[in-house]
Amino acid sequence: MDPILIGNKIRELRIKVGYSQEELADGICTQAQISKIERGVGYPFANTLFYISKKLGVDPNYFFDIGTTPNLDYVKKIKKQINSLKLSFKYQEILKIINREITNPLFKENKINLQFLLWHKGIVEFEYFRDYEDAVDTYEQAFHLTPVDKIWSDQQIEIALSLGSTHNQVNEIDKAMRLYNLIREEIRKKPLVKSPRIYLRYCYTLARAYTRVTQYHESIKLCKEGIDYCISEQSLMVFGEFHYQIGYNYELMEEWPAASQYYNEARTIFRLNRNTNYDNILEDKIKLVTDKMKE
């Protein structure tokens, strides 16, 4: 790890975001330490570098491999487990993990890790218990657990996306759209290339909101933008969901051949990705549009 290269990159990102050295140091270390780090004078402490990266809105792995620390390996394992369960909609199991880990010092005493747990607690409260008010309160608590400074962290953007999706599902469309506008601005402010995960989630959740307010062509346009981005980034994340959403828009517009095309493509993608969550839904949708085409 070259301290000069790291120092130069921190200085470059700090200037892009608009922090002074004193502002970047606030809550992390002294201004003098930031000055030394930017000049490449010695190696910065790992925890200092970690919090600097979060404040600048970049992944800590951009500067160093946090996976070499056993404790952080455990945290990464728990997060990976929760993310995997989330994809399978196994919310009860997620809740069990959250209840177990919420008192673990690795989460309880680390605001970023605790923020992750609270974020997913909000997801469980809405997606499993269907408790809109509690979910919104938990999302807000999670979001503000870390400073809301000149730029949101990746995790704060993801929390906001979950909150926007929750607003959308209960027909609080105005709240959802206002939040998506804020998210778009935060993504644009990122000093580095936008995260594929965040950008794709943004496109998908906004596309669903457009569908709900009958702006079908806007939804299709955004989904196709997402598909192109998936291809450019070689990512299967929400690739099938984008095709499904396009098919759903065409179904709502009663354009049956186009709906059939995208539903069938979505089914193929989900099967290749071994994702069975949409099997029954897609079989019903494909039968519906096939029958409509025969009429």
Protein backbone atom coordinates (compact mmCIF):
# COMPACT_ATOMS: atom_id res chain seq x y z
CA MET A 1 0.00 0.00 0.00
CA ASP A 2 1.70 3.18 -1.25
CA PRO A 3 0.97 6.07 1.18
CA ILE A 4 1.74 8.70 -1.46
CA LEU A 5 -0.77 7.27 -3.94
CA ILE A 6 -3.38 6.96 -1.20
CA GLY A 7 -2.72 10.52 -0.02
CA ASN A 8 -3.04 11.90 -3.53
CA LYS A 9 -6.32 10.08 -4.11
CA ILE A 10 -7.79 11.26 -0.78
CA ARG A 11 -6.86 14.84 -1.63
CA GLU A 12 -8.41 14.49 -5.10
CA LEU A 13 -11.67 13.06 -3.74
CA ARG A 14 -11.83 15.59 -0.90
CA ILE A 15 -11.60 18.48 -3.35
CA LYS A 16 -14.22 16.93 -5.68
CA VAL A 17 -16.68 16.52 -2.80
CA GLY A 18 -15.93 20.02 -1.52
CA TYR A 19 -14.42 19.38 1.90
CA SER A 20 -11.64 21.37 3.48
CA GLN A 21 -9.06 19.31 5.35
CA GLU A 22 -10.65 20.44 8.61
CA GLU A 23 -14.14 19.36 7.47
CA LEU A 24 -12.88 15.95 6.36
CA ALA A 25 -11.08 15.48 9.68
CA ASP A 26 -14.13 16.38 11.77
CA GLY A 27 -15.17 13.37 13.83
CA ILE A 28 -12.32 11.24 12.50
CA CYS A 29 -8.95 12.72 13.39
CA THR A 30 -7.13 16.07 13.42
CA GLN A 31 -6.63 18.38 10.46
CA ALA A 32 -2.88 17.87 10.89
CA GLN A 33 -3.32 14.14 10.42
CA ILE A 34 -5.29 14.66 7.23
CA SER A 35 -2.51 16.91 5.98
CA LYS A 36 0.09 14.22 6.72
CA ILE A 37 -2.01 11.53 5.05
CA GLU A 38 -2.46 13.61 1.91
CA ARG A 39 1.28 14.25 1.77
CA GLY A 40 1.99 10.54 2.10
CA VAL A 41 3.85 10.94 5.39
CA GLY A 42 3.61 7.44 6.90
CA TYR A 43 0.78 4.93 6.73
CA PRO A 44 -2.68 6.02 7.96
CA PHE A 45 -4.36 3.83 10.57
CA ALA A 46 -6.79 1.32 9.01
CA ASN A 47 -9.76 2.63 11.01
CA THR A 48 -8.92 6.23 10.04
CA LEU A 49 -8.80 5.25 6.38
CA PHE A 50 -12.06 3.36 6.75
CA TYR A 51 -13.97 6.38 8.10
CA ILE A 52 -12.36 8.74 5.60
CA SER A 53 -13.57 6.51 2.76
CA LYS A 54 -17.11 6.47 4.16
CA LYS A 55 -17.16 10.25 4.51
CA LEU A 56 -15.97 10.64 0.93
CA GLY A 57 -18.68 8.24 -0.28
CA VAL A 58 -16.40 5.53 -1.64
CA ASP A 59 -16.01 1.86 -0.80
CA PRO A 60 -13.25 1.25 1.79
CA ASN A 61 -11.86 -1.47 -0.48
CA TYR A 62 -10.88 1.31 -2.86
CA PHE A 63 -8.02 2.03 -0.48
CA PHE A 64 -7.31 -1.25 1.27
CA ASP A 65 -8.53 -4.81 1.65
CA ILE A 66 -10.56 -4.88 4.83
CA GLY A 67 -11.07 -8.60 4.39
CA THR A 68 -7.70 -9.34 5.96
CA THR A 69 -9.07 -8.51 9.41
CA PRO A 70 -10.74 -11.55 11.05
CA ASN A 71 -13.40 -9.46 12.82
CA LEU A 72 -14.32 -7.74 9.59
CA ASP A 73 -14.42 -11.12 7.85
CA TYR A 74 -17.18 -12.09 10.30
CA VAL A 75 -19.12 -8.89 9.60
CA LYS A 76 -18.81 -9.45 5.86
CA LYS A 77 -20.04 -13.04 6.30
CA ILE A 78 -23.14 -11.86 8.21
CA LYS A 79 -23.91 -9.17 5.63
CA LYS A 80 -23.51 -11.67 2.80
CA GLN A 81 -25.85 -14.09 4.58
CA ILE A 82 -28.51 -11.40 5.06
CA ASN A 83 -28.24 -10.28 1.43
CA SER A 84 -28.62 -13.88 0.24
CA LEU A 85 -31.71 -14.42 2.41
CA LYS A 86 -33.14 -11.12 1.16
CA LEU A 87 -32.97 -12.35 -2.44
CA SER A 88 -35.00 -15.40 -1.40
CA PHE A 89 -37.52 -13.31 0.59
CA LYS A 90 -36.66 -15.25 3.78
CA TYR A 91 -37.47 -12.38 6.10
CA GLN A 92 -38.03 -14.46 9.24
CA GLU A 93 -34.49 -15.79 9.00
CA ILE A 94 -33.16 -12.28 8.46
CA LEU A 95 -34.95 -11.14 11.62
CA LYS A 96 -33.40 -13.97 13.63
CA ILE A 97 -29.92 -12.87 12.53
CA ILE A 98 -30.66 -9.22 13.31
CA ASN A 99 -31.92 -10.07 16.80
CA ARG A 100 -28.83 -12.18 17.42
CA GLU A 101 -26.26 -9.70 16.13
CA ILE A 102 -27.79 -6.42 17.37
CA THR A 103 -25.94 -6.82 20.72
CA ASN A 104 -22.72 -8.05 19.13
CA PRO A 105 -20.05 -5.34 19.72
CA LEU A 106 -18.95 -5.71 16.08
CA PHE A 107 -22.35 -4.28 15.13
CA LYS A 108 -23.51 -2.45 18.26
CA GLU A 109 -20.33 -0.37 18.57
CA ASN A 110 -19.84 0.30 14.86
CA LYS A 111 -22.39 2.75 13.44
CA ILE A 112 -21.96 1.60 9.85
CA ASN A 113 -22.51 -2.06 10.74
CA LEU A 114 -25.42 -1.18 13.04
CA GLN A 115 -26.87 0.92 10.24
CA PHE A 116 -26.85 -2.17 8.01
CA LEU A 117 -28.82 -4.18 10.58
CA LEU A 118 -31.37 -1.40 11.15
CA TRP A 119 -31.82 -0.95 7.41
CA HIS A 120 -32.72 -4.63 7.06
CA LYS A 121 -34.91 -4.49 10.15
CA GLY A 122 -36.93 -1.86 8.28
CA ILE A 123 -37.14 -4.15 5.26
CA VAL A 124 -38.46 -7.00 7.43
CA GLU A 125 -40.96 -4.71 9.16
CA PHE A 126 -42.50 -3.74 5.85
CA GLU A 127 -42.04 -6.77 3.59
CA TYR A 128 -42.93 -9.38 6.23
CA PHE A 129 -45.04 -7.63 8.86
CA ARG A 130 -46.49 -5.04 6.43
CA ASP A 131 -46.01 -2.33 9.06
CA TYR A 132 -45.49 0.84 7.04
CA GLU A 133 -45.13 3.28 9.94
CA ASP A 134 -42.58 1.20 11.87
CA ALA A 135 -40.61 0.53 8.70
CA VAL A 136 -40.40 4.23 7.82
CA ASP A 137 -39.29 5.10 11.36
CA THR A 138 -36.60 2.39 11.26
CA TYR A 139 -35.35 3.51 7.84
CA GLU A 140 -35.10 7.09 9.10
CA GLN A 141 -33.25 5.98 12.22
CA ALA A 142 -30.85 3.89 10.15
CA PHE A 143 -30.23 6.66 7.61
CA HIS A 144 -29.36 9.25 10.28
CA LEU A 145 -27.18 6.89 12.29
CA THR A 146 -24.19 8.13 10.28
CA PRO A 147 -23.63 11.83 9.45
CA VAL A 148 -25.67 13.30 6.59
CA ASP A 149 -22.91 15.45 5.16
CA LYS A 150 -22.15 16.86 1.74
CA ILE A 151 -22.47 13.46 0.13
CA TRP A 152 -24.49 10.40 1.14
CA SER A 153 -22.68 7.12 1.66
CA ASP A 154 -23.52 4.18 -0.60
CA GLN A 155 -25.38 2.57 2.30
CA GLN A 156 -27.43 5.72 2.94
CA ILE A 157 -28.45 5.75 -0.74
CA GLU A 158 -29.52 2.11 -0.51
CA ILE A 159 -31.57 2.84 2.62
CA ALA A 160 -33.24 5.73 0.79
CA LEU A 161 -34.00 3.40 -2.14
CA SER A 162 -35.67 0.94 0.24
CA LEU A 163 -37.68 3.78 1.78
CA GLY A 164 -38.71 5.00 -1.67
CA SER A 165 -39.85 1.50 -2.62
CA THR A 166 -41.88 1.31 0.59
CA HIS A 167 -43.58 4.65 -0.16
CA ASN A 168 -44.30 3.42 -3.68
CA GLN A 169 -45.91 0.16 -2.54
CA VAL A 170 -48.41 1.98 -0.30
CA ASN A 171 -49.23 4.52 -3.03
CA GLU A 172 -47.38 7.41 -1.38
CA ILE A 173 -46.14 8.26 -4.86
CA ASP A 174 -45.33 11.92 -4.22
CA LYS A 175 -43.08 10.97 -1.29
CA ALA A 176 -41.42 8.27 -3.40
CA MET A 177 -40.77 10.59 -6.34
CA ARG A 178 -39.34 13.37 -4.14
CA LEU A 179 -36.99 10.85 -2.60
CA TYR A 180 -35.94 9.41 -5.97
CA ASN A 181 -35.06 12.93 -7.14
CA LEU A 182 -32.80 13.36 -4.12
CA ILE A 183 -31.22 9.97 -4.76
CA ARG A 184 -30.54 10.87 -8.39
CA GLU A 185 -28.68 13.99 -7.27
CA GLU A 186 -26.64 12.03 -4.75
CA ILE A 187 -25.65 9.47 -7.38
CA ARG A 188 -24.55 12.30 -9.66
CA LYS A 189 -22.42 13.80 -6.86
CA LYS A 190 -20.39 10.60 -6.41
CA PRO A 191 -16.74 11.41 -7.11
CA LEU A 192 -16.07 7.95 -8.56
CA VAL A 193 -17.86 5.81 -11.14
CA LYS A 194 -21.35 5.10 -9.85
CA SER A 195 -21.87 1.76 -8.13
CA PRO A 196 -23.60 -0.71 -10.46
CA ARG A 197 -25.60 -2.09 -7.52
CA ILE A 198 -26.89 1.32 -6.47
CA TYR A 199 -27.55 2.60 -9.96
CA LEU A 200 -29.42 -0.54 -11.02
CA ARG A 201 -31.56 -0.51 -7.85
CA TYR A 202 -32.33 3.14 -8.52
CA CYS A 203 -33.42 2.44 -12.11
CA TYR A 204 -35.57 -0.52 -11.07
CA THR A 205 -37.35 1.10 -8.13
CA LEU A 206 -38.04 4.27 -10.11
CA ALA A 207 -39.31 2.22 -13.06
CA ARG A 208 -41.79 0.49 -10.75
CA ALA A 209 -42.94 3.89 -9.47
CA TYR A 210 -43.49 5.09 -13.06
CA THR A 211 -45.61 2.00 -13.72
CA ARG A 212 -47.74 2.67 -10.65
CA VAL A 213 -48.57 6.19 -11.90
CA THR A 214 -49.32 4.80 -15.41
CA GLN A 215 -46.23 6.39 -16.99
CA TYR A 216 -45.60 3.11 -18.81
CA HIS A 217 -43.32 4.44 -21.54
CA GLU A 218 -41.10 6.19 -18.98
CA SER A 219 -40.89 2.94 -17.04
CA ILE A 220 -39.97 0.96 -20.17
CA LYS A 221 -37.34 3.54 -21.12
CA LEU A 222 -35.74 3.32 -17.68
CA CYS A 223 -35.83 -0.48 -17.69
CA LYS A 224 -34.11 -0.58 -21.08
CA GLU A 225 -31.48 1.82 -19.75
CA GLY A 226 -31.01 -0.58 -16.85
CA ILE A 227 -30.69 -3.55 -19.21
CA ASP A 228 -28.00 -1.75 -21.22
CA TYR A 229 -26.17 -0.91 -17.99
CA CYS A 230 -26.37 -4.55 -16.84
CA ILE A 231 -24.80 -5.63 -20.13
CA SER A 232 -22.06 -3.01 -19.99
CA GLU A 233 -21.21 -3.96 -16.39
CA GLN A 234 -21.64 -7.71 -17.04
CA SER A 235 -24.08 -7.86 -14.14
CA LEU A 236 -27.15 -10.08 -13.75
CA MET A 237 -28.50 -8.01 -10.87
CA VAL A 238 -32.16 -7.17 -11.61
CA PHE A 239 -31.54 -8.14 -15.26
CA GLY A 240 -34.53 -10.48 -15.19
CA GLU A 241 -36.58 -8.01 -13.15
CA PHE A 242 -36.09 -5.33 -15.81
CA HIS A 243 -37.46 -7.67 -18.49
CA TYR A 244 -40.38 -8.63 -16.26
CA GLN A 245 -41.22 -4.98 -15.58
CA ILE A 246 -41.19 -4.16 -19.30
CA GLY A 247 -43.51 -7.10 -19.92
CA TYR A 248 -45.81 -5.89 -17.15
CA ASN A 249 -45.95 -2.40 -18.67
CA TYR A 250 -46.86 -3.85 -22.06
CA GLU A 251 -49.50 -6.03 -20.41
CA LEU A 252 -51.08 -2.99 -18.77
CA MET A 253 -51.09 -1.25 -22.16
CA GLU A 254 -52.66 -4.42 -23.67
CA GLU A 255 -49.78 -4.80 -26.12
CA TRP A 256 -49.85 -8.59 -25.85
CA PRO A 257 -47.07 -9.69 -28.29
CA ALA A 258 -44.54 -7.34 -26.65
CA ALA A 259 -45.67 -8.45 -23.19
CA SER A 260 -45.26 -12.10 -24.21
CA GLN A 261 -41.77 -11.46 -25.57
CA TYR A 262 -40.47 -9.82 -22.42
CA TYR A 263 -42.20 -12.24 -20.04
CA ASN A 264 -40.60 -15.16 -21.88
CA GLU A 265 -37.20 -13.48 -21.85
CA ALA A 266 -37.57 -12.81 -18.13
CA ARG A 267 -38.41 -16.47 -17.49
CA THR A 268 -35.32 -17.58 -19.41
CA ILE A 269 -33.07 -15.19 -17.51
CA PHE A 270 -34.45 -16.25 -14.12
CA ARG A 271 -34.00 -19.92 -14.98
CA LEU A 272 -30.42 -19.39 -16.13
CA ASN A 273 -29.78 -17.54 -12.89
CA ARG A 274 -31.50 -20.33 -10.89
CA ASN A 275 -33.95 -17.82 -9.48
CA THR A 276 -37.27 -19.58 -8.82
CA ASN A 277 -38.99 -16.66 -7.08
CA TYR A 278 -40.87 -15.61 -10.23
CA ASP A 279 -41.71 -19.09 -11.60
CA ASN A 280 -45.41 -19.20 -10.70
CA ILE A 281 -46.00 -15.52 -11.43
CA LEU A 282 -44.45 -15.76 -14.89
CA GLU A 283 -46.29 -18.94 -15.79
CA ASP A 284 -49.57 -17.18 -15.00
CA LYS A 285 -48.53 -14.05 -16.89
CA ILE A 286 -47.43 -15.96 -19.97
CA LYS A 287 -50.68 -17.95 -20.02
CA LEU A 288 -52.67 -14.73 -19.65
CA VAL A 289 -51.01 -12.92 -22.58
CA THR A 290 -51.06 -16.09 -24.73
CA ASP A 291 -54.83 -16.38 -24.21
CA LYS A 292 -55.27 -12.68 -25.01
CA MET A 293 -53.32 -13.10 -28.26
CA LYS A 294 -55.67 -15.92 -29.29
CA GLU A 295 -58.80 -13.85 -28.80
